[in-house]
Every structure is written in structure tokens, then in C-alpha cells.
Amino acid sequence: MQIKLLIAFLFMAVLGYSQGGIDRIRHFNLKPDNKSIHHSIQPLIRYTPTRVDSKTDTLIFDGDTSIFNTHFSPKGTRNRSFAILPATDSYFQYDTVISYRAAIGFNFEKTWGKWYNRTILTSGWSLREDYTQTHVAFSPLQDRASFWFTDIRTRLGYTPNKYLHVSAGIDNQFFGEGYRSLIQGDQVAPNPFVQFRVNFLNLEYGLIYQFLHDNNLTTKTRDWKYNTTHYLSMNIGSNFNVMIMESVIFQSRDSTYKRGYEVEYLNPFVFFRPQEYSLGSTDNVLLALQTSYYFGSKKHCVYIQVPLDEFVLKEIKNRSKWWANKYGLQLGIKGQFKKWSYLLEGNLVRPYTFSHISSGQNNGSLGLPLGHYLGSNFAELLATAQIPFKNFQLTLFSSFYLKGYDNSAISYGGDIYKSYTSHPKEYGNTIGQGITQRTVSVQANASTTLNKIQLELYLQSGFQYSWGEMGSSANPLICVGMRSNLFNERKIR
């Protein structure tokens, strides 16, 4: 019975992205001076900068602190012990057709002693299924002319002392300093999790157990898949951070028996690759390295993220472009010039990265990648900036990406939900292979925030042009809406 209740709870936990939304730019946060804070691994329910102090040119946080840093109170925060606020996410939009969406809910927040809870629930309807969502997120009404969706996030945290934080709930984790994340990001359905973070001096060890779902739309039931992640993060001085991470994704059942949550991966003091070999399994182990350096009075930051799925060093040295050399690279810089904030970022992921023999072992959940929304076999350049004007804020965004798509029979490495066993060639695999498409997007967003109820009103316009082997298309965009300024899951594409 408990299992069934947990499954039902998970099915409710799907994102309700606003297609017209621009990220609140968590990525411009200044690095705290406290060396025990490792803020490149973040939950989505967290504080966000909402304005700039004109006297000091520093960001002011009007929301509560993120729950894993309950001992850290940024300037301008209010230590509320209990709060209930209305939550909404609604818009009216025109791109290729006219559409609208309406959602309403609540944000509950309570602190008592060493405990903290924040729960956000919204529910509503849309005229069409959002292309960022899986079928689970939008339940069709009648003849699929409209869609009903429900989004719930909750995080219960306990901080007994300055060394340990434990949290559990339904939410995402975000790895990295960038606008995107190649490891785990914020454009996938939130999932049930249990997390431990241990701080000592300038080190942090983290352990996360996640409950994901395979995406098999042909059956009425969905198979569980699981992810165990551990990482070690080190702050070197007050400006430099380096983190190494290892995760393993494994399915609840294979062709021979039902495994459940593999107990070997519950041990926080082992490396997963040797455990995988000892089990004789085909589980999917991912390694990653990320580093960041702050300079210019900590107002600017360069950052790098490198996920390593599989590779053979000999094949890399030979430059053979072997299909199983699967890795990615993110390189970016962000910062502030007085009141202006900027971010420049490049991302690339080789073909077949994050894919596996079956979708039950890939780096995805409910039909979407855990990291970058393009999955694999792509290269992307993007730039974004924020310019405040008194009570208003202007956000500018532009991007270009090259993406190689698959056809129905052959995997060219662009769809992580296709088995990599159907690759057509061993060598000569390059980014963008397959059905090649290029896309340019330019958008602008003007917004103002009603701080007392954390409600943002925004007007957005933009243009997207795509061309390649799938044909060409030009799509204008204009959108007006309002949304609760609660968490940062909305990004331009």
C-alpha cells in the first residue's frame, strides 16, 4: 500500500513549465564569503535575487535562504517561521497559434527549530500540451483539445548542526554554475529523493538517492529506475571550487529478475564502477568534474563542467571519433558590471552520451534528459543579460545550437531514449551527425515583481529561426503573463 501511495505521489510531481518564462537568473548570485558553502549544487526551492542595492551594487535577496544553508542569511532576508502565499503560473501567448494557460495553487513554508519545510503546489489547464513536457504532465481532457496538469514540489530539511544537513521530498537538484547543466538540471520532472550533505572545513561530501521513472508510453504502468549520486566538493581559498561526482542509474528489473533498489549502491563509501563490475550488471555509471573561479572582487566567475559517460583514452588520442567516446563540455563566464548582469556559455555533448542499452538505464526520467534538454549530439552557444530599471527588470537572451536528430530506424546519437546498439558506424562519429538542424533564438523579457506576494508580471517577445535537413521555419513570439516568484525552473530555449 505504501508503494502505491508513493507511486501516486510521484505521478503528481511533474513540472508545469511556462513556455513564455525566462529564468530568474539564479546564475548571477554572488559567491558567499563563507568557505563552508558549496553553492554549485543547489535545490530548485531556494532563494533568488530580486533587486540590486543601488548604493553597493550588490544583489539583495528578498526570499528565504535555501534550506541546505539554513545557517546562512543573505542580506535583506526575512526569517519567517511560517508563511502561506498564493501561487500562480498563467499566460496568454501567440507564436504559431494563440494559446493560453492558467494555473493556481499555494506556497507553504515553515521553520521550526532545526527543521524546515517548503511545499509548492499548482494545478491548472492549458490549450495545448507543452513541448517541454511528457504525457504524464498533461492529462488530456475530452478530445485532447485541452490539458490538465499538476505540479507539486516539497522539501523537508533537518540541520542538527553546522556539519550535517538531511533533506527529502520531491524536487530537482542542479549541478553547476551555468545557465544549463550537463549533469542534472531544472528542465525535467522533479523526482522523489533523499539527500545528505556533510560539511567539514572547506570540504563537502554529498549523497543523493533518487527515484526516477522509465518512459514507456505503450504500457499503462511505468517501471521504476533509480539513481545514486555522491560527490566531493572542495573550496580552495575563497575564490576557487572543484567538485568530482559519480552517479549510477539502474533499473528496477531486468530480463531475469526484479531487483528493486540495489543495496550495493546504498553504501556511501564505495565507488560505483567496481560495484557494477562485481554485480555483473549493465548499469550506467557517469563521472563528472566541475570547477569554478571567482575574480574581480567575486563579481565575475569562469566555470567548467565535464561529464564523462564512457571513453577509451587510446581512441581519443587516435582521434578516431569512436562512437563510445561519450562525454560533454560546458565552458562559461558570468558576472556583473555595476547593476548589469551577464552570462556567456558554450555547451557540447558527443553523440550517444547519456544513452544506454535500454531507456531504463539512460540518464533521463519521464521522457526527458536529466541534464541539458537537447540530450546529446549537439553544440550550443548562448548569452543572457539582466538590466534593472528601478522596479522593473529587462532580461535579454540569444542562443544558437546545432543538433543531430535520429530517424525512426537508426540512432545517430541524438535521442538518449534510443538504444546505442543501433549505431550505424563504429568510427567517424561527429557532433551534428544524422538529420542536422540549426536554430537561432532571440528573446526579451520585461518584468516587475510584487514582493509582498512574490508575484511577477511579465511581457515577453522573441523570434526563433530554424533551418536544415528537417526544413526551415520562422516563429515569432509574444507572451504576457504572471507567475509566482518561487523557484527557477523556467528557461528560454
Protein backbone atom coordinates (compact mmCIF):
# COMPACT_ATOMS: atom_id res chain seq x y z
CA MET A 1 0.00 0.00 0.00
CA GLN A 2 2.86 2.38 0.85
CA ILE A 3 4.46 1.69 -2.54
CA LYS A 4 1.21 2.51 -4.33
CA LEU A 5 0.84 5.77 -2.43
CA LEU A 6 4.41 6.75 -3.29
CA ILE A 7 3.81 6.00 -6.97
CA ALA A 8 0.64 8.08 -6.93
CA PHE A 9 2.55 10.92 -5.29
CA LEU A 10 5.25 10.75 -7.96
CA PHE A 11 2.74 10.92 -10.79
CA MET A 12 1.59 14.26 -9.42
CA ALA A 13 5.16 15.55 -9.33
CA VAL A 14 5.54 16.83 -12.87
CA LEU A 15 6.59 20.26 -13.93
CA GLY A 16 4.29 22.93 -15.24
CA TYR A 17 6.75 24.98 -17.28
CA SER A 18 5.62 28.32 -18.55
CA GLN A 19 6.64 28.34 -22.19
CA GLY A 20 6.88 32.12 -22.06
CA GLY A 21 9.08 32.21 -18.99
CA ILE A 22 12.67 33.34 -18.64
CA ASP A 23 14.82 32.03 -15.82
CA ARG A 24 15.05 34.26 -12.75
CA ILE A 25 18.83 34.10 -13.27
CA ARG A 26 19.96 32.35 -10.13
CA HIS A 27 23.24 32.16 -12.02
CA PHE A 28 24.17 35.77 -11.21
CA ASN A 29 24.26 35.16 -7.46
CA LEU A 30 27.40 36.45 -5.80
CA LYS A 31 29.58 33.86 -4.12
CA PRO A 32 29.22 33.98 -0.30
CA ASP A 33 32.39 34.57 1.72
CA ASN A 34 31.65 31.55 3.91
CA LYS A 35 34.02 28.79 2.74
CA SER A 36 31.69 26.07 4.06
CA ILE A 37 29.02 26.92 1.47
CA HIS A 38 29.14 24.89 -1.76
CA HIS A 39 26.50 26.60 -3.85
CA SER A 40 27.26 24.93 -7.20
CA ILE A 41 25.00 22.04 -6.08
CA GLN A 42 21.56 23.51 -5.45
CA PRO A 43 17.95 22.52 -4.98
CA LEU A 44 15.33 24.31 -7.03
CA ILE A 45 13.44 25.58 -3.99
CA ARG A 46 15.93 28.26 -3.00
CA TYR A 47 16.37 31.96 -2.62
CA THR A 48 16.58 34.19 -5.70
CA PRO A 49 17.95 37.71 -6.22
CA THR A 50 15.10 40.13 -6.85
CA ARG A 51 16.72 43.55 -6.81
CA VAL A 52 20.03 45.40 -6.64
CA ASP A 53 21.12 47.76 -3.87
CA SER A 54 21.94 51.00 -5.71
CA LYS A 55 24.40 52.08 -3.02
CA THR A 56 26.55 48.97 -3.00
CA ASP A 57 25.74 47.43 -6.41
CA THR A 58 25.08 44.10 -4.72
CA LEU A 59 22.20 41.70 -5.12
CA ILE A 60 19.52 41.71 -2.43
CA PHE A 61 17.64 38.52 -1.59
CA ASP A 62 14.02 39.12 -0.61
CA GLY A 63 13.17 35.43 -0.19
CA ASP A 64 14.23 32.97 2.47
CA THR A 65 17.54 31.16 2.28
CA SER A 66 17.79 27.82 0.57
CA ILE A 67 17.20 25.06 3.04
CA PHE A 68 20.59 23.40 2.87
CA ASN A 69 22.18 26.66 4.00
CA THR A 70 19.84 27.46 6.87
CA HIS A 71 22.76 28.90 8.83
CA PHE A 72 23.44 31.44 6.06
CA SER A 73 21.18 34.50 5.85
CA PRO A 74 21.95 36.79 2.91
CA LYS A 75 21.47 40.49 3.33
CA GLY A 76 17.84 41.52 3.13
CA THR A 77 16.22 38.20 4.05
CA ARG A 78 13.33 37.90 6.46
CA ASN A 79 13.46 34.98 8.89
CA ARG A 80 9.81 33.93 8.77
CA SER A 81 8.77 30.94 10.86
CA PHE A 82 5.54 30.35 8.96
CA ALA A 83 4.04 31.59 5.69
CA ILE A 84 1.36 30.65 3.18
CA LEU A 85 1.32 32.54 -0.11
CA PRO A 86 -0.82 32.13 -3.23
CA ALA A 87 0.96 30.65 -6.25
CA THR A 88 0.07 31.13 -9.90
CA ASP A 89 1.56 30.45 -13.32
CA SER A 90 -0.59 31.79 -16.15
CA TYR A 91 -0.01 33.33 -19.56
CA PHE A 92 -1.55 34.28 -22.89
CA GLN A 93 0.73 33.58 -25.83
CA TYR A 94 0.99 33.78 -29.60
CA ASP A 95 3.68 32.01 -31.61
CA THR A 96 2.34 29.86 -34.44
CA VAL A 97 -1.11 29.77 -32.83
CA ILE A 98 -2.89 31.54 -29.99
CA SER A 99 -2.79 29.64 -26.71
CA TYR A 100 -3.28 30.27 -23.03
CA ARG A 101 -2.63 28.55 -19.78
CA ALA A 102 -3.93 29.11 -16.26
CA ALA A 103 -2.71 27.59 -13.00
CA ILE A 104 -3.22 28.42 -9.35
CA GLY A 105 -2.05 26.95 -6.07
CA PHE A 106 -0.19 27.79 -2.89
CA ASN A 107 3.27 28.02 -1.38
CA PHE A 108 3.60 26.74 2.19
CA GLU A 109 6.71 27.48 4.20
CA LYS A 110 7.50 26.72 7.84
CA THR A 111 10.58 26.70 10.04
CA TRP A 112 10.55 25.14 13.49
CA GLY A 113 13.77 24.62 15.40
CA LYS A 114 16.22 22.75 13.21
CA TRP A 115 13.53 21.68 10.73
CA TYR A 116 12.39 23.39 7.56
CA ASN A 117 9.66 22.61 5.04
CA ARG A 118 8.61 24.25 1.82
CA THR A 119 5.83 22.90 -0.37
CA ILE A 120 4.63 24.40 -3.66
CA LEU A 121 1.51 23.07 -5.36
CA THR A 122 -0.03 24.42 -8.57
CA SER A 123 -2.71 22.92 -10.78
CA GLY A 124 -4.44 24.18 -13.92
CA TRP A 125 -5.09 23.71 -17.61
CA SER A 126 -3.60 24.58 -20.99
CA LEU A 127 -4.94 24.70 -24.53
CA ARG A 128 -2.10 22.52 -25.76
CA GLU A 129 0.48 20.11 -24.49
CA ASP A 130 3.70 21.97 -23.74
CA TYR A 131 6.60 20.66 -25.82
CA THR A 132 8.77 20.69 -22.70
CA GLN A 133 6.56 18.13 -21.01
CA THR A 134 5.86 14.43 -21.13
CA HIS A 135 2.37 13.00 -21.45
CA VAL A 136 2.27 12.42 -17.70
CA ALA A 137 2.45 16.16 -17.04
CA PHE A 138 -0.60 16.97 -19.13
CA SER A 139 -3.66 14.75 -18.76
CA PRO A 140 -5.93 15.18 -21.81
CA LEU A 141 -9.45 16.47 -21.28
CA GLN A 142 -12.13 15.00 -23.58
CA ASP A 143 -10.76 15.10 -27.16
CA ARG A 144 -7.26 16.37 -26.20
CA ALA A 145 -8.34 19.91 -27.06
CA SER A 146 -7.03 20.95 -23.64
CA PHE A 147 -4.75 19.51 -20.97
CA TRP A 148 -4.87 19.36 -17.19
CA PHE A 149 -1.62 19.42 -15.24
CA THR A 150 -0.48 19.34 -11.63
CA ASP A 151 2.91 20.39 -10.28
CA ILE A 152 4.00 19.66 -6.72
CA ARG A 153 7.36 20.24 -5.08
CA THR A 154 8.17 19.66 -1.46
CA ARG A 155 11.39 19.56 0.53
CA LEU A 156 11.72 18.73 4.22
CA GLY A 157 15.10 19.61 5.69
CA TYR A 158 16.80 18.92 9.01
CA THR A 159 20.03 20.62 10.08
CA PRO A 160 21.09 19.29 13.51
CA ASN A 161 24.43 21.13 13.46
CA LYS A 162 26.77 23.05 11.17
CA TYR A 163 28.26 19.84 9.78
CA LEU A 164 25.20 17.91 8.56
CA HIS A 165 22.08 18.61 6.56
CA VAL A 166 19.49 15.96 5.62
CA SER A 167 16.58 16.58 3.27
CA ALA A 168 13.91 14.56 1.50
CA GLY A 169 10.96 15.27 -0.75
CA ILE A 170 10.14 15.81 -4.41
CA ASP A 171 12.36 18.28 -6.23
CA ASN A 172 15.27 18.64 -8.66
CA GLN A 173 18.96 19.04 -7.95
CA PHE A 174 21.01 21.47 -10.05
CA PHE A 175 24.72 20.82 -10.57
CA GLY A 176 26.95 23.62 -11.78
CA GLU A 177 27.29 27.37 -12.11
CA GLY A 178 25.83 27.70 -15.59
CA TYR A 179 22.57 28.58 -17.25
CA ARG A 180 22.32 24.92 -18.26
CA SER A 181 23.62 21.84 -16.52
CA LEU A 182 25.00 18.82 -18.36
CA ILE A 183 24.73 16.61 -15.26
CA GLN A 184 21.38 17.33 -13.60
CA GLY A 185 19.32 20.40 -14.38
CA ASP A 186 15.95 22.02 -13.84
CA GLN A 187 14.07 21.15 -17.03
CA VAL A 188 13.00 17.64 -16.11
CA ALA A 189 10.16 16.47 -13.89
CA PRO A 190 11.05 16.67 -10.18
CA ASN A 191 11.55 13.31 -8.53
CA PRO A 192 11.44 11.80 -5.02
CA PHE A 193 14.83 11.96 -3.33
CA VAL A 194 16.77 11.65 -0.08
CA GLN A 195 19.87 13.81 0.31
CA PHE A 196 22.73 14.05 2.81
CA ARG A 197 25.26 16.90 2.86
CA VAL A 198 28.23 16.77 5.24
CA ASN A 199 30.44 19.84 5.67
CA PHE A 200 33.84 19.90 7.34
CA LEU A 201 36.20 22.85 7.00
CA ASN A 202 36.28 23.62 3.26
CA LEU A 203 35.02 20.19 2.14
CA GLU A 204 31.53 18.92 1.43
CA TYR A 205 30.53 15.33 0.79
CA GLY A 206 27.07 14.80 -0.67
CA LEU A 207 24.96 11.68 -1.21
CA ILE A 208 21.66 11.63 -3.11
CA TYR A 209 19.22 8.76 -3.66
CA GLN A 210 16.70 9.48 -6.43
CA PHE A 211 13.62 7.61 -7.63
CA LEU A 212 13.12 8.09 -11.38
CA HIS A 213 10.74 6.64 -13.94
CA ASP A 214 11.30 4.98 -17.27
CA ASN A 215 9.30 6.40 -20.16
CA ASN A 216 7.27 3.60 -21.69
CA LEU A 217 4.10 5.16 -23.09
CA THR A 218 2.96 1.90 -24.69
CA THR A 219 2.03 0.36 -21.33
CA LYS A 220 -0.26 1.56 -18.56
CA THR A 221 2.39 1.05 -15.90
CA ARG A 222 5.78 2.71 -15.63
CA ASP A 223 8.88 0.97 -14.37
CA TRP A 224 10.96 2.49 -11.62
CA LYS A 225 14.57 3.36 -12.25
CA TYR A 226 16.96 4.66 -9.62
CA ASN A 227 19.93 6.97 -9.36
CA THR A 228 22.54 7.13 -6.62
CA THR A 229 24.92 10.09 -6.73
CA HIS A 230 27.79 11.06 -4.50
CA TYR A 231 30.21 13.93 -4.85
CA LEU A 232 33.10 15.64 -3.11
CA SER A 233 33.36 19.42 -3.34
CA MET A 234 36.33 21.47 -2.17
CA ASN A 235 36.62 25.24 -1.75
CA ILE A 236 40.25 26.23 -2.26
CA GLY A 237 40.55 29.63 -0.69
CA SER A 238 37.53 31.87 -1.10
CA ASN A 239 37.53 32.01 -4.92
CA PHE A 240 38.16 28.53 -6.33
CA ASN A 241 35.94 25.43 -6.16
CA VAL A 242 36.40 21.97 -7.63
CA MET A 243 33.96 19.06 -7.48
CA ILE A 244 34.14 15.45 -8.61
CA MET A 245 30.98 13.39 -8.92
CA GLU A 246 29.96 9.79 -9.61
CA SER A 247 26.45 8.50 -10.21
CA VAL A 248 24.91 5.19 -11.21
CA ILE A 249 21.50 4.69 -12.83
CA PHE A 250 19.96 1.23 -12.64
CA GLN A 251 16.57 -0.21 -13.48
CA SER A 252 14.27 -1.93 -11.03
CA ARG A 253 14.08 -5.09 -13.11
CA ASP A 254 15.96 -6.73 -15.94
CA SER A 255 15.30 -9.73 -18.17
CA THR A 256 15.91 -12.25 -15.38
CA TYR A 257 14.56 -10.87 -12.09
CA LYS A 258 13.16 -7.89 -10.20
CA ARG A 259 15.99 -6.07 -8.42
CA GLY A 260 14.37 -3.20 -6.57
CA TYR A 261 16.80 -0.64 -5.16
CA GLU A 262 20.22 -2.31 -5.37
CA VAL A 263 21.59 -2.45 -1.81
CA GLU A 264 25.18 -2.33 -3.10
CA TYR A 265 24.58 1.26 -4.21
CA LEU A 266 23.27 2.35 -0.81
CA ASN A 267 26.79 2.25 0.62
CA PRO A 268 28.14 5.83 0.68
CA PHE A 269 31.77 4.72 0.97
CA VAL A 270 32.26 2.79 -2.28
CA PHE A 271 32.99 3.64 -5.90
CA PHE A 272 30.15 2.60 -8.16
CA ARG A 273 32.16 1.33 -11.14
CA PRO A 274 33.81 -1.55 -9.18
CA GLN A 275 30.45 -2.36 -7.62
CA GLU A 276 28.88 -2.52 -11.07
CA TYR A 277 31.55 -4.96 -12.22
CA SER A 278 31.15 -7.10 -9.10
CA LEU A 279 27.40 -7.34 -9.71
CA GLY A 280 27.93 -8.31 -13.34
CA SER A 281 25.36 -5.70 -14.33
CA THR A 282 24.98 -3.29 -17.24
CA ASP A 283 24.16 -0.32 -15.00
CA ASN A 284 25.05 3.15 -16.25
CA VAL A 285 27.86 4.89 -14.35
CA LEU A 286 28.58 8.57 -15.00
CA LEU A 287 31.61 10.54 -13.82
CA ALA A 288 31.81 14.33 -13.83
CA LEU A 289 34.17 17.14 -12.97
CA GLN A 290 33.21 20.76 -12.46
CA THR A 291 35.21 23.75 -11.33
CA SER A 292 34.70 27.49 -10.93
CA TYR A 293 36.86 30.50 -10.17
CA TYR A 294 35.62 33.89 -8.95
CA PHE A 295 37.63 37.04 -9.64
CA GLY A 296 37.23 40.81 -9.71
CA SER A 297 36.01 41.14 -6.10
CA LYS A 298 33.94 37.99 -6.71
CA LYS A 299 31.76 39.78 -9.25
CA HIS A 300 32.87 37.56 -12.14
CA CYS A 301 33.17 33.80 -12.49
CA VAL A 302 34.54 31.35 -15.04
CA TYR A 303 33.27 27.79 -14.82
CA ILE A 304 33.77 24.40 -16.47
CA GLN A 305 31.73 21.20 -16.34
CA VAL A 306 32.80 17.89 -17.91
CA PRO A 307 30.56 14.78 -17.75
CA LEU A 308 32.28 11.51 -18.70
CA ASP A 309 29.90 8.72 -19.67
CA GLU A 310 32.31 6.31 -21.37
CA PHE A 311 35.61 6.69 -23.18
CA VAL A 312 38.78 4.86 -24.16
CA LEU A 313 41.85 7.07 -23.92
CA LYS A 314 43.57 5.30 -26.82
CA GLU A 315 40.66 6.09 -29.14
CA ILE A 316 40.69 9.74 -28.06
CA LYS A 317 44.44 10.02 -28.73
CA ASN A 318 43.96 8.44 -32.16
CA ARG A 319 41.17 10.94 -32.92
CA SER A 320 39.17 8.08 -34.37
CA LYS A 321 35.81 9.61 -33.36
CA TRP A 322 34.78 6.26 -31.93
CA TRP A 323 31.06 6.09 -31.14
CA ALA A 324 31.59 5.04 -27.49
CA ASN A 325 33.75 8.04 -26.60
CA LYS A 326 30.85 9.71 -24.82
CA TYR A 327 31.43 12.96 -22.98
CA GLY A 328 30.38 16.60 -22.83
CA LEU A 329 31.87 20.00 -22.09
CA GLN A 330 30.49 23.23 -20.66
CA LEU A 331 32.54 26.42 -20.56
CA GLY A 332 31.17 29.76 -19.39
CA ILE A 333 31.72 33.13 -17.78
CA LYS A 334 29.25 35.22 -15.81
CA GLY A 335 29.30 38.30 -13.66
CA GLN A 336 28.27 41.88 -13.00
CA PHE A 337 29.15 45.36 -14.20
CA LYS A 338 27.53 47.61 -11.62
CA LYS A 339 23.82 46.84 -11.95
CA TRP A 340 24.16 44.83 -15.17
CA SER A 341 24.50 41.06 -15.03
CA TYR A 342 25.72 38.88 -17.89
CA LEU A 343 26.37 35.25 -18.77
CA LEU A 344 28.12 33.70 -21.80
CA GLU A 345 28.12 29.93 -22.14
CA GLY A 346 29.02 27.15 -24.56
CA ASN A 347 27.80 23.54 -24.31
CA LEU A 348 28.56 20.48 -26.39
CA VAL A 349 27.77 16.79 -25.94
CA ARG A 350 29.05 13.97 -28.15
CA PRO A 351 26.68 11.53 -29.90
CA TYR A 352 25.34 8.63 -27.77
CA THR A 353 26.30 10.31 -24.48
CA PHE A 354 23.81 9.54 -21.68
CA SER A 355 22.15 6.77 -23.76
CA HIS A 356 22.40 3.08 -22.89
CA ILE A 357 21.19 -0.35 -23.97
CA SER A 358 17.66 0.49 -22.85
CA SER A 359 15.82 3.60 -21.65
CA GLY A 360 15.72 2.07 -18.17
CA GLN A 361 19.45 2.74 -17.88
CA ASN A 362 19.82 6.11 -19.59
CA ASN A 363 20.29 9.48 -17.89
CA GLY A 364 16.67 10.53 -18.15
CA SER A 365 13.31 10.39 -16.42
CA LEU A 366 9.75 10.52 -17.75
CA GLY A 367 10.90 11.06 -21.32
CA LEU A 368 13.31 13.95 -20.69
CA PRO A 369 17.10 14.11 -20.11
CA LEU A 370 18.26 14.74 -16.56
CA GLY A 371 20.69 17.39 -17.78
CA HIS A 372 20.57 19.58 -20.88
CA TYR A 373 17.20 19.47 -22.62
CA LEU A 374 18.84 18.74 -26.03
CA GLY A 375 20.19 15.47 -24.66
CA SER A 376 23.21 14.64 -26.81
CA ASN A 377 24.74 15.13 -30.27
CA PHE A 378 24.60 18.94 -30.11
CA ALA A 379 26.65 22.11 -29.71
CA GLU A 380 25.19 25.31 -28.26
CA LEU A 381 26.24 28.92 -27.67
CA LEU A 382 24.09 31.23 -25.55
CA ALA A 383 24.22 34.67 -23.96
CA THR A 384 21.89 36.33 -21.49
CA ALA A 385 21.87 39.57 -19.52
CA GLN A 386 19.75 41.32 -16.92
CA ILE A 387 19.34 45.08 -16.65
CA PRO A 388 17.35 46.52 -13.72
CA PHE A 389 15.38 49.77 -14.02
CA LYS A 390 14.04 50.79 -10.59
CA ASN A 391 11.09 48.41 -10.06
CA PHE A 392 11.44 46.75 -13.47
CA GLN A 393 13.89 44.31 -14.95
CA LEU A 394 14.83 43.67 -18.57
CA THR A 395 16.20 40.24 -19.48
CA LEU A 396 17.79 39.59 -22.88
CA PHE A 397 18.56 36.16 -24.29
CA SER A 398 20.07 34.78 -27.50
CA SER A 399 21.24 31.31 -28.49
CA PHE A 400 22.41 29.21 -31.41
CA TYR A 401 22.59 25.44 -31.47
CA LEU A 402 23.47 22.67 -33.91
CA LYS A 403 21.65 19.39 -33.27
CA GLY A 404 21.75 15.99 -34.95
CA TYR A 405 18.45 14.09 -34.82
CA ASP A 406 17.71 10.39 -35.36
CA ASN A 407 15.33 8.74 -37.78
CA SER A 408 12.87 6.03 -36.80
CA ALA A 409 15.19 3.13 -37.57
CA ILE A 410 18.73 4.33 -36.83
CA SER A 411 20.25 6.04 -33.81
CA TYR A 412 22.75 8.74 -34.76
CA GLY A 413 23.24 9.55 -31.09
CA GLY A 414 20.76 12.41 -30.73
CA ASP A 415 17.99 10.68 -28.77
CA ILE A 416 19.12 9.35 -25.40
CA TYR A 417 15.98 7.19 -25.24
CA LYS A 418 17.13 5.11 -28.22
CA SER A 419 19.44 2.17 -27.64
CA TYR A 420 23.01 2.83 -28.69
CA THR A 421 23.17 -0.71 -30.11
CA SER A 422 21.60 0.60 -33.35
CA HIS A 423 24.51 2.93 -34.19
CA PRO A 424 25.34 2.71 -37.92
CA LYS A 425 29.15 3.05 -37.71
CA GLU A 426 31.99 2.48 -35.27
CA TYR A 427 34.19 5.43 -36.21
CA GLY A 428 33.86 8.89 -37.71
CA ASN A 429 31.03 9.99 -35.40
CA THR A 430 30.81 13.78 -35.08
CA ILE A 431 28.52 16.26 -33.34
CA GLY A 432 25.53 17.12 -35.51
CA GLN A 433 25.56 13.87 -37.49
CA GLY A 434 22.29 12.36 -38.65
CA ILE A 435 19.45 14.72 -39.52
CA THR A 436 21.19 18.06 -38.98
CA GLN A 437 19.26 21.14 -37.85
CA ARG A 438 20.38 24.62 -36.77
CA THR A 439 18.34 27.01 -34.62
CA VAL A 440 18.75 30.67 -33.65
CA SER A 441 16.62 32.25 -30.91
CA VAL A 442 16.44 35.88 -29.72
CA GLN A 443 14.10 36.95 -26.92
CA ALA A 444 13.49 39.80 -24.47
CA ASN A 445 11.51 39.88 -21.25
CA ALA A 446 10.34 42.89 -19.22
CA SER A 447 9.05 42.14 -15.74
CA THR A 448 8.18 43.62 -12.38
CA THR A 449 7.74 41.80 -9.08
CA LEU A 450 5.20 42.39 -6.32
CA ASN A 451 7.46 41.39 -3.44
CA LYS A 452 4.81 41.08 -0.73
CA ILE A 453 3.11 38.19 -2.52
CA GLN A 454 6.15 37.15 -4.64
CA LEU A 455 4.21 37.64 -7.88
CA GLU A 456 5.95 38.52 -11.14
CA LEU A 457 4.19 40.23 -14.06
CA TYR A 458 5.99 39.91 -17.39
CA LEU A 459 5.83 40.74 -21.09
CA GLN A 460 7.97 38.70 -23.46
CA SER A 461 8.68 38.88 -27.17
CA GLY A 462 11.07 36.97 -29.37
CA PHE A 463 11.88 35.26 -32.64
CA GLN A 464 13.20 31.79 -33.49
CA TYR A 465 14.51 30.60 -36.85
CA SER A 466 15.42 27.01 -37.64
CA TRP A 467 16.89 25.51 -40.82
CA GLY A 468 18.46 22.27 -42.02
CA GLU A 469 17.54 18.83 -43.29
CA MET A 470 14.17 18.97 -41.50
CA GLY A 471 13.27 22.13 -43.42
CA SER A 472 13.14 25.74 -42.29
CA SER A 473 10.71 27.63 -40.07
CA ALA A 474 10.39 31.11 -38.58
CA ASN A 475 8.37 31.56 -35.39
CA PRO A 476 7.61 34.91 -33.74
CA LEU A 477 6.60 35.00 -30.09
CA ILE A 478 4.70 37.40 -27.88
CA CYS A 479 3.55 36.47 -24.41
CA VAL A 480 2.05 38.24 -21.40
CA GLY A 481 1.61 36.52 -18.08
CA MET A 482 2.08 36.34 -14.34
CA ARG A 483 3.77 33.77 -12.18
CA SER A 484 4.82 33.30 -8.60
CA ASN A 485 8.46 34.09 -7.99
CA LEU A 486 9.14 30.86 -6.12
CA PHE A 487 11.60 28.70 -7.99
CA ASN A 488 13.75 28.75 -11.12
CA GLU A 489 12.53 26.09 -13.48
CA ARG A 490 11.67 28.34 -16.44
CA LYS A 491 14.19 28.94 -19.21
CA ILE A 492 14.13 30.17 -22.76
CA ARG A 493 15.10 27.67 -25.40
